[in-house]
Structures are given as C-alpha cells and as structure tokens.
Protein backbone atom coordinates (compact mmCIF):
# COMPACT_ATOMS: atom_id res chain seq x y z
CA MET A 1 85.81 139.06 26.61
CA SER A 2 85.11 142.53 28.04
CA VAL A 3 85.02 143.44 31.72
CA GLU A 4 81.72 144.86 32.94
CA VAL A 5 82.43 147.80 35.25
CA PRO A 6 79.71 148.65 37.81
CA GLU A 7 78.43 152.19 38.25
CA MET A 8 80.74 154.40 40.31
CA GLU A 9 78.12 154.71 43.03
CA GLU A 10 78.28 150.96 43.53
CA LEU A 11 82.09 150.92 43.53
CA LEU A 12 82.10 153.53 46.30
CA ARG A 13 79.83 151.62 48.69
CA PRO A 14 81.44 149.84 51.66
CA MET A 15 81.97 146.13 51.06
CA PRO A 16 81.58 143.34 53.63
CA VAL A 17 84.65 142.62 55.73
CA ALA A 18 87.01 140.29 53.84
CA ARG A 19 87.69 137.04 55.67
CA TYR A 20 91.03 135.33 56.24
CA GLY A 21 91.52 131.60 55.72
CA ASP A 22 91.47 128.95 53.03
CA ASP A 23 87.76 129.10 52.13
CA ALA A 24 87.35 128.80 48.38
CA ASP A 25 83.65 128.04 47.89
CA GLY A 26 82.66 131.64 47.15
CA THR A 27 80.43 132.00 50.21
CA VAL A 28 82.73 134.57 51.86
CA ARG A 29 84.50 137.63 50.57
CA GLY A 30 88.24 136.99 50.62
CA GLY A 31 89.23 133.64 52.05
CA ALA A 32 91.47 131.90 49.53
CA LEU A 33 91.11 134.83 47.11
CA HIS A 34 92.91 137.33 49.31
CA LEU A 35 96.24 139.13 49.05
CA SER A 36 97.41 137.24 52.14
CA ALA A 37 96.92 133.93 50.30
CA LEU A 38 98.99 134.76 47.24
CA LEU A 39 102.53 133.97 48.42
CA PRO A 40 101.45 130.72 50.12
CA ALA A 41 99.72 129.74 46.86
CA LEU A 42 102.85 130.56 44.87
CA SER A 43 104.98 128.55 47.29
CA SER A 44 102.86 125.53 46.40
CA ALA A 45 103.07 126.30 42.68
CA ILE A 46 106.89 126.14 42.79
CA GLY A 47 106.79 122.87 44.71
CA CYS A 48 107.47 124.05 48.25
CA PRO A 49 104.11 124.54 50.02
CA THR A 50 104.59 126.99 52.88
CA PRO A 51 101.76 127.37 55.41
CA THR A 52 101.35 130.49 57.55
CA ALA A 53 99.52 131.31 60.76
CA VAL A 54 96.43 132.20 58.71
CA HIS A 55 96.69 129.95 55.64
CA ARG A 56 97.22 126.29 56.49
CA ASP A 57 96.70 124.71 53.06
CA PRO A 58 98.88 126.31 50.35
CA THR A 59 97.95 123.62 47.83
CA ALA A 60 94.25 124.46 48.17
CA LEU A 61 95.16 128.12 47.66
CA GLN A 62 97.10 127.24 44.51
CA ARG A 63 93.99 125.55 43.14
CA ALA A 64 91.78 128.51 44.09
CA PHE A 65 94.04 130.93 42.21
CA GLY A 66 94.37 128.55 39.26
CA LEU A 67 98.16 128.50 39.38
CA PRO A 68 100.00 125.79 37.41
CA ASP A 69 102.94 123.81 38.79
CA VAL A 70 106.18 125.50 37.71
CA SER A 71 109.83 125.65 38.70
CA SER A 72 110.05 129.46 38.61
CA ALA A 73 107.54 132.23 39.32
CA VAL A 74 107.61 136.04 39.29
CA VAL A 75 105.07 137.99 41.35
CA VAL A 76 104.71 141.70 40.57
CA LEU A 77 103.02 144.06 43.01
CA VAL A 78 101.93 147.33 41.37
CA ASP A 79 101.31 149.81 44.17
CA GLY A 80 97.92 151.51 43.85
CA LEU A 81 96.63 149.61 40.79
CA GLY A 82 93.21 148.48 42.00
CA TYR A 83 91.18 146.03 39.93
CA TRP A 84 88.56 148.60 38.93
CA ASN A 85 91.14 151.35 38.28
CA LEU A 86 92.76 148.85 35.91
CA ALA A 87 89.49 147.77 34.32
CA MET A 88 88.45 151.35 33.56
CA ARG A 89 91.73 152.11 31.77
CA LEU A 90 92.36 148.90 29.81
CA GLY A 91 92.40 150.78 26.51
CA HIS A 92 95.81 152.17 27.53
CA ALA A 93 97.36 148.82 28.43
CA PRO A 94 97.64 146.24 25.63
CA TYR A 95 99.49 143.63 27.69
CA LEU A 96 97.20 143.85 30.72
CA ARG A 97 94.21 143.95 28.39
CA SER A 98 95.34 140.67 26.86
CA LEU A 99 95.44 139.11 30.34
CA MET A 100 92.01 140.49 31.22
CA ASN A 101 90.58 138.86 28.10
CA ASP A 102 90.99 135.57 29.97
CA ALA A 103 87.85 134.94 32.04
CA ALA A 104 90.00 133.42 34.80
CA ASN A 105 91.64 136.82 35.33
CA GLN A 106 88.37 138.72 35.47
CA ARG A 107 87.71 138.12 39.15
CA PRO A 108 89.17 140.56 41.64
CA ILE A 109 90.67 139.38 44.90
CA CYS A 110 90.61 141.27 48.20
CA THR A 111 93.24 143.28 49.94
CA CYS A 112 93.26 143.84 53.71
CA ALA A 113 91.60 146.45 55.86
CA PRO A 114 92.79 149.12 55.93
CA SER A 115 93.51 149.12 52.20
CA THR A 116 96.80 150.90 52.52
CA THR A 117 100.41 150.05 51.64
CA VAL A 118 101.79 149.51 55.15
CA ALA A 119 99.10 147.04 56.17
CA ALA A 120 98.96 145.35 52.77
CA MET A 121 102.71 144.81 52.52
CA GLY A 122 102.67 143.10 55.89
CA VAL A 123 99.75 140.92 54.82
CA PHE A 124 101.35 140.09 51.47
CA GLY A 125 104.83 139.35 52.81
CA THR A 126 103.82 137.21 55.78
CA GLY A 127 100.70 135.59 54.38
CA THR A 128 98.88 136.62 57.56
CA CYS A 129 96.89 139.68 58.71
CA PRO A 130 97.32 143.08 60.41
CA GLY A 131 96.12 141.61 63.70
CA LEU A 132 99.25 139.46 63.76
CA THR A 133 101.79 141.68 62.00
CA GLY A 134 101.03 144.75 64.13
CA MET A 135 101.00 146.83 60.92
CA ALA A 136 97.45 148.13 61.14
CA GLY A 137 97.62 151.59 59.56
CA TYR A 138 99.67 154.35 57.99
CA THR A 139 99.96 155.85 61.47
CA GLN A 140 99.10 154.02 64.68
CA ARG A 141 99.72 154.31 68.39
CA ASN A 142 103.08 153.11 69.67
CA PRO A 143 102.06 151.37 72.92
CA VAL A 144 105.52 151.94 74.38
CA THR A 145 105.50 155.75 74.01
CA GLY A 146 101.76 156.37 73.73
CA GLN A 147 102.39 158.55 70.67
CA LEU A 148 101.65 158.08 66.99
CA ALA A 149 104.12 156.13 64.86
CA GLN A 150 104.31 156.45 61.08
CA LEU A 151 105.01 153.08 59.48
CA ILE A 152 106.21 153.97 55.98
CA GLN A 153 109.54 155.06 57.45
CA PHE A 154 108.81 153.58 60.92
CA ARG A 155 109.15 157.06 62.40
CA ASP A 156 108.68 156.99 66.21
CA SER A 157 107.83 153.31 65.91
CA ILE A 158 108.85 150.08 67.55
CA ALA A 159 111.76 148.59 65.58
CA PRO A 160 110.65 146.65 62.46
CA HIS A 161 111.64 143.17 63.66
CA ASP A 162 110.11 143.79 67.08
CA LEU A 163 106.83 145.18 65.76
CA GLN A 164 106.37 142.62 62.98
CA ARG A 165 107.26 139.22 64.46
CA GLN A 166 105.62 136.89 61.95
CA PRO A 167 108.08 135.10 59.63
CA THR A 168 107.74 136.22 56.04
CA VAL A 169 106.99 133.64 53.34
CA PHE A 170 110.27 134.73 51.76
CA GLU A 171 112.15 133.83 54.95
CA LEU A 172 110.43 130.47 55.24
CA LEU A 173 111.24 129.59 51.64
CA THR A 174 114.86 130.70 51.98
CA GLU A 175 115.27 128.54 55.10
CA ARG A 176 114.17 125.55 52.98
CA GLY A 177 116.80 126.25 50.34
CA VAL A 178 114.52 127.94 47.78
CA ARG A 179 115.95 130.84 45.78
CA VAL A 180 114.01 134.01 46.58
CA THR A 181 114.91 137.29 44.86
CA SER A 182 113.56 140.86 45.10
CA SER A 183 114.16 143.44 42.40
CA GLY A 184 113.63 147.04 43.43
CA LEU A 185 114.95 150.53 44.03
CA PRO A 186 118.19 150.84 46.01
CA LYS A 187 116.52 152.90 48.74
CA PHE A 188 114.10 150.10 49.53
CA ALA A 189 116.77 147.40 49.89
CA ALA A 190 117.04 147.68 53.68
CA SER A 191 114.23 150.11 54.45
CA PRO A 192 112.28 149.59 57.68
CA LEU A 193 109.19 148.56 55.72
CA THR A 194 111.18 145.97 53.75
CA GLU A 195 112.73 144.66 56.95
CA ALA A 196 109.34 144.35 58.59
CA ALA A 197 107.25 142.87 55.79
CA LEU A 198 109.47 141.59 52.99
CA ARG A 199 112.68 140.38 54.61
CA GLY A 200 114.33 137.14 53.57
CA THR A 201 115.19 137.72 49.91
CA GLN A 202 118.31 138.35 47.89
CA TYR A 203 117.71 142.00 46.98
CA ILE A 204 118.89 143.28 43.60
CA SER A 205 118.99 147.08 43.33
CA ASN A 206 118.59 149.15 40.16
CA VAL A 207 117.62 152.77 39.67
CA MET A 208 116.00 152.49 36.24
CA PRO A 209 112.65 150.69 35.82
CA ARG A 210 113.84 148.75 32.75
CA ASP A 211 116.86 147.46 34.67
CA ARG A 212 114.65 146.32 37.55
CA VAL A 213 112.41 144.42 35.14
CA LEU A 214 115.33 142.77 33.38
CA ALA A 215 116.95 141.86 36.70
CA ALA A 216 113.73 140.11 37.74
CA ALA A 217 113.61 138.25 34.41
CA GLN A 218 117.24 137.20 34.78
CA ALA A 219 116.63 135.93 38.33
CA ALA A 220 113.71 133.84 37.06
CA ARG A 221 116.13 131.74 34.99
CA GLU A 222 116.87 129.80 38.17
CA PRO A 223 114.13 127.80 39.94
CA GLY A 224 112.48 129.71 42.76
CA LEU A 225 110.44 132.85 43.44
CA THR A 226 111.08 136.41 42.25
CA TYR A 227 109.36 139.56 43.56
CA LEU A 228 109.17 142.83 41.60
CA TYR A 229 107.69 146.01 43.09
CA ILE A 230 106.39 148.89 40.92
CA ARG A 231 105.39 151.99 42.86
CA ASP A 232 104.58 154.70 40.30
CA ALA A 233 100.80 154.28 39.97
CA ASP A 234 100.35 155.07 43.66
CA LYS A 235 102.88 157.91 43.72
CA VAL A 236 101.42 159.67 40.67
CA GLY A 237 97.85 158.95 41.77
CA HIS A 238 98.40 160.73 45.09
CA ALA A 239 100.11 163.68 43.40
CA TYR A 240 97.85 164.21 40.39
CA GLY A 241 94.84 161.90 40.71
CA TRP A 242 94.28 158.47 39.22
CA ASN A 243 92.05 159.97 36.51
CA SER A 244 94.72 162.43 35.36
CA ASP A 245 96.67 162.34 32.10
CA LYS A 246 99.86 161.92 34.14
CA TRP A 247 98.47 158.79 35.78
CA ILE A 248 97.35 157.37 32.44
CA GLY A 249 100.82 157.98 31.02
CA THR A 250 102.33 156.23 34.03
CA PHE A 251 99.90 153.34 33.60
CA GLU A 252 100.98 152.97 29.97
CA ARG A 253 104.62 152.79 31.03
CA ILE A 254 103.80 150.21 33.71
CA ASP A 255 102.05 148.10 31.08
CA ALA A 256 105.15 148.34 28.88
CA GLN A 257 107.34 147.21 31.80
CA LEU A 258 105.10 144.22 32.44
CA SER A 259 105.11 143.33 28.76
CA LEU A 260 108.92 143.49 28.75
CA LEU A 261 108.99 141.20 31.78
CA ARG A 262 106.73 138.69 30.06
CA ARG A 263 108.91 138.70 26.92
CA SER A 264 112.13 138.39 28.92
CA VAL A 265 111.42 135.56 31.35
CA PRO A 266 112.25 131.99 30.29
CA ARG A 267 109.56 129.87 28.74
CA GLY A 268 107.53 128.10 31.41
CA THR A 269 107.87 130.92 33.98
CA LEU A 270 104.71 131.83 35.88
CA VAL A 271 104.03 135.59 36.03
CA VAL A 272 101.43 136.93 38.47
CA VAL A 273 100.46 140.63 38.65
CA THR A 274 98.72 141.98 41.73
CA ALA A 275 98.43 145.19 43.80
CA ASP A 276 98.11 146.35 47.39
CA HIS A 277 95.03 148.57 47.00
CA GLY A 278 93.06 150.73 44.58
CA MET A 279 92.39 154.48 44.55
CA VAL A 280 89.40 156.80 44.94
CA SER A 281 89.14 160.37 43.63
CA SER A 282 88.53 162.62 46.62
CA ASP A 283 85.92 165.41 46.70
CA PRO A 284 87.01 168.62 48.46
CA GLY A 285 83.35 169.34 49.15
CA LEU A 286 83.14 166.13 51.20
CA CYS A 287 86.23 166.76 53.31
CA VAL A 288 85.52 166.89 57.06
CA ASP A 289 88.05 168.68 59.29
CA ILE A 290 88.07 167.32 62.84
CA ALA A 291 89.56 170.60 64.06
CA ALA A 292 86.36 172.42 63.04
CA GLN A 293 84.00 169.77 64.45
CA PRO A 294 83.95 169.87 68.28
CA GLU A 295 81.61 166.86 68.51
CA LEU A 296 84.15 164.75 66.58
CA ASP A 297 87.10 165.89 68.68
CA GLU A 298 85.39 165.25 72.01
CA GLY A 299 87.04 162.44 73.95
CA VAL A 300 89.69 161.80 71.28
CA ALA A 301 93.34 161.86 72.33
CA LEU A 302 95.01 160.80 69.05
CA VAL A 303 93.90 160.48 65.44
CA GLY A 304 95.75 157.77 63.50
CA GLY A 305 95.31 156.06 60.17
CA GLU A 306 94.65 158.26 57.13
CA PRO A 307 91.82 160.31 55.59
CA ARG A 308 89.86 157.29 54.30
CA SER A 309 90.50 155.02 57.28
CA LEU A 310 90.88 156.60 60.67
CA MET A 311 91.85 155.10 64.01
CA LEU A 312 90.67 157.20 66.94
CA TYR A 313 92.35 156.69 70.30
CA ALA A 314 90.18 157.66 73.23
CA LYS A 315 91.19 159.73 76.22
CA ASP A 316 91.43 157.77 79.46
CA ASP A 317 88.14 159.16 80.77
CA ALA A 318 86.22 158.73 77.49
CA ASP A 319 84.02 155.81 76.44
CA PRO A 320 84.79 154.63 72.87
CA ARG A 321 81.13 153.75 72.41
CA ASP A 322 80.18 157.39 72.98
CA ILE A 323 82.83 158.57 70.50
CA ALA A 324 81.59 156.07 67.92
CA GLU A 325 77.99 157.20 68.36
CA ARG A 326 78.91 160.87 67.86
CA TRP A 327 80.85 160.02 64.71
CA ARG A 328 77.97 157.91 63.35
CA ASN A 329 75.53 160.76 63.97
CA ARG A 330 77.81 163.27 62.23
CA LEU A 331 78.92 161.19 59.22
CA GLY A 332 75.79 159.10 58.66
CA GLU A 333 75.88 157.04 55.46
CA HIS A 334 79.22 158.56 54.47
CA ALA A 335 81.18 156.19 56.75
CA VAL A 336 81.08 152.94 58.68
CA VAL A 337 82.06 153.52 62.30
CA ARG A 338 83.06 150.63 64.57
CA THR A 339 84.52 150.33 68.02
CA ARG A 340 87.71 148.29 68.21
CA ARG A 341 85.79 145.43 69.80
CA GLN A 342 83.26 145.44 66.97
CA ALA A 343 86.02 145.54 64.34
CA ILE A 344 87.88 142.63 65.92
CA ASP A 345 84.69 140.59 66.34
CA GLU A 346 83.86 141.17 62.64
CA GLY A 347 87.32 139.93 61.62
CA MET A 348 88.41 143.25 60.14
CA PHE A 349 92.05 142.68 61.11
CA GLY A 350 91.98 138.89 61.07
CA PRO A 351 93.05 137.08 64.27
CA VAL A 352 94.45 139.70 66.66
CA ASP A 353 97.43 139.05 68.92
CA PRO A 354 96.87 140.57 72.40
CA ARG A 355 100.08 142.59 72.07
CA VAL A 356 98.73 144.16 68.85
CA GLU A 357 95.31 145.10 70.22
CA PRO A 358 96.44 148.37 71.92
CA MET A 359 97.96 149.51 68.61
CA ILE A 360 94.52 149.48 66.95
CA GLY A 361 92.29 152.50 67.45
CA ASP A 362 89.51 152.46 70.04
CA VAL A 363 87.20 153.59 67.21
CA LEU A 364 87.64 152.80 63.49
CA VAL A 365 86.16 155.03 60.78
CA SER A 366 85.93 153.65 57.23
CA ALA A 367 84.86 156.22 54.64
CA ALA A 368 82.25 155.62 51.95
CA GLY A 369 81.65 157.58 48.75
CA ARG A 370 84.33 160.24 48.26
CA LEU A 371 84.51 161.34 51.88
CA THR A 372 87.82 162.19 53.52
CA VAL A 373 88.37 163.14 57.17
CA VAL A 374 91.38 165.29 58.05
CA ASP A 375 92.77 167.21 61.02
CA SER A 376 94.20 170.59 60.10
CA ARG A 377 95.95 170.84 63.49
CA ILE A 378 98.40 168.08 62.62
CA GLN A 379 98.27 167.63 58.82
CA THR A 380 99.76 169.76 56.06
CA ALA A 381 97.58 171.37 53.41
CA GLN A 382 99.09 169.03 50.82
CA ALA A 383 98.24 165.94 52.87
CA MET A 384 94.64 167.13 53.28
CA GLN A 385 94.14 167.85 49.58
CA LEU A 386 95.39 164.70 47.84
CA PRO A 387 93.37 164.24 44.63
CA SER A 388 93.29 160.44 44.99
CA VAL A 389 93.30 158.48 48.22
CA HIS A 390 92.69 154.99 49.60
CA GLY A 391 92.39 153.05 52.84
CA SER A 392 88.72 152.19 53.16
CA GLN A 393 86.56 149.16 52.33
CA THR A 394 84.88 150.22 49.09
CA ALA A 395 85.28 147.96 46.06
CA LEU A 396 87.33 150.64 44.30
CA GLU A 397 89.89 150.55 47.10
CA SER A 398 89.76 146.96 48.32
CA ASP A 399 89.34 144.94 45.09
CA ILE A 400 92.73 144.19 43.54
CA PRO A 401 93.82 142.22 40.45
CA CYS A 402 95.43 138.82 40.40
CA LEU A 403 96.40 138.31 36.77
CA VAL A 404 98.02 134.99 35.92
CA ASP A 405 100.22 134.46 32.83
CA LEU A 406 102.38 131.49 31.87
CA ALA A 407 105.27 132.33 29.59
C-alpha cells in the first residue's frame, strides 16, 4: 500500500496547534497520537502503565498507538527523520518501506512546538510538554541571569535537574523495578541534555553504530524497555540538506541499522521507530535578517529560538502586542506571530508552570513556507545558511513517524 504525499506547498503550511492529553477520537491534532504519549503507551505495553502530568491513561494510549502487550520493547528515535521526509525517500529504505506498507503505520503523529530537538527530547522523555519541562527552545532566556541560554549543551543555563523538574518515564519505570536501558554514543551518556530529559536508564556506550544497535538488541533479551538514539539524519541534513545525496546515503545506512535491530532482537520484542521532528529545505531568497530590518528590531531585547521558530523578548518599556503587530505586518503569510499569552492560551506549549512562563518569549514567530529569520549581529554565517532547518509548525517539520513492528 503506497503512501500518498501531499504537494510541497501543502506540507509547508502551518498546521493547527497540537493538543496534549489522551484524546484518541481524531477530533484534535495530537492528543493520544503525540510524541509525549509514546513512552507512557510503551509503559502500558510492557505491563507497567506509567501516567505523567499530561497523560493520565497509559492503557488508552497503548490502544491508540495499536501496541501489543509484550515483555520487552525497543523504541528508536531517529533525530530529524520526519514522516514526510521518510515517505518521500522510501525507495532507499527497504526495511522502513516494509513497515510503511502496513496501513496502521501510515498515519503520522505530532511532535511538540517548537519542533526542535531540545524541546522534543524533554517531551519524549517525560511524557509531558515544554510548558512543564522548561525546555522551550534551542535558546531561551535564563530568568536568573536575564541572558540567553543554549540548551543543547546547557550553556549559560540553569542546571539540568533544576530546569527540568518533571520525572522522566525512564525514572518512574526504574523506581518500579523495570529494566530500562539506553544505547548511545559515549559523549551523550551524562550530557546535560540526557540528564535533563532522558535520565533514569542504564546507559550502554558504543562508538560504532553497529555496536549500538547490537547492544540495544542484547538488552532487549531481558524484559523491560530499551531506548536507541540515532542522530545522523539531523546532523547530515543541517550540513548538506535533507534532499542531498549525502543525506540519502545516511538514510540508507539508518535503514540498514534498523533492519539489523529487527533481525537481532528476540522473537516477540516490540520495535517502535519514531523521530523528534522533520526538516525543511531553506531558501536563501526568503531569509530575513533582523539586523537589516529596523521595524523588526524595535522593542526587542533578546532573540531566542532558531531561524524557523523565534522567541522575542521585549525590552522593559516595549509592549509585546506592538512588536507582534510589526512582525505580522512585515512577514505576512510567511509566518504565524503570537504573543506569549496567545500561544499559552492556544496550548502551544501545553500546560505552563508559572516558573516556566518567563523563559518563553514575549512574542513567538513560527515560519511558514521556506522562510528563515536570522540575526547577523549574533549568528555565524554558517548558522544563517543551513540548507535544511526545522522548528516550526508545518506538516513537514511537525509530523513524525510512529512505526510499529513485532519481531
């Protein structure tokens, strides 16, 4: 059964805000079919339902995802492999193509807003939302210092355990005596991002991709949950573009790794493949530089986020509503511009803890089409010219796969 891919123009339109919760009737975007719901659903599948602050009914989530009852499950997160990026390149991926032939795997699920790794890892690991994890963007204001913090390495940030205070699903399962294992690169074993979003596992380190896959398969021989992270699609997409030959070659190797995993896990193991976000090819002709646009810079003290999803922090004497109006007038249909209050009221970040609210921008800018917005005063030329980017609410960025396979 083939996957019908919409026209690119449709894939680059902003989508409605994805909702958080256990809704599974198809009337809302997200709900049970959301990245935040996946680990709670898997906890139910392995016989240890684990609710979170956002998802109260893991068993209902298990049914929504169509997950069977098993003793052991492996969840693989492929960084940057959006549902539509995958669907448009299935000819290069025999294993993933075989999964997509199943109609049950042909429905995308939603990632969070912003559709970026920092926010998504927090959402995935805790089963909650950026409004509770405090991980709301690639860069965001540190309310203690008033300056921007970068949350990949937690540079100039609040400490990981202090910023992200929600228990992870991994921690909750471990406390209940369930085996939980992560297989990944040595440098991620105790990284700040791991400590914030993915803490609570037994971490197995290997440098080579094949060894990481086989370590995950070996761990799955014992009842429990195994997590495998594959980063190369995102890394190569940013460097060369997701439409490049280098990306396609990387995609083929990722498919081979996933096929090896499937062949190596014990019979009866549940394998689920997902992602944190998709990718959009940028257009240099649609790149807006704030430094060259006085009307965009007016009233703005700090620019956080990233080129597809900006968080603007207003100066003390500026009204965010005025900033938002200027940005709407300048960008028009190329972006959706919200004040922080509007974004929170629409549920963009899920329920928002009062301590997290000051970390979120006073104005949020979500790009449409191939637009990027940069600031040449603070960004390098390389950062402003990435051939593929993500972060916004288009289907290409925010629709992700959830492919279910039973060995």
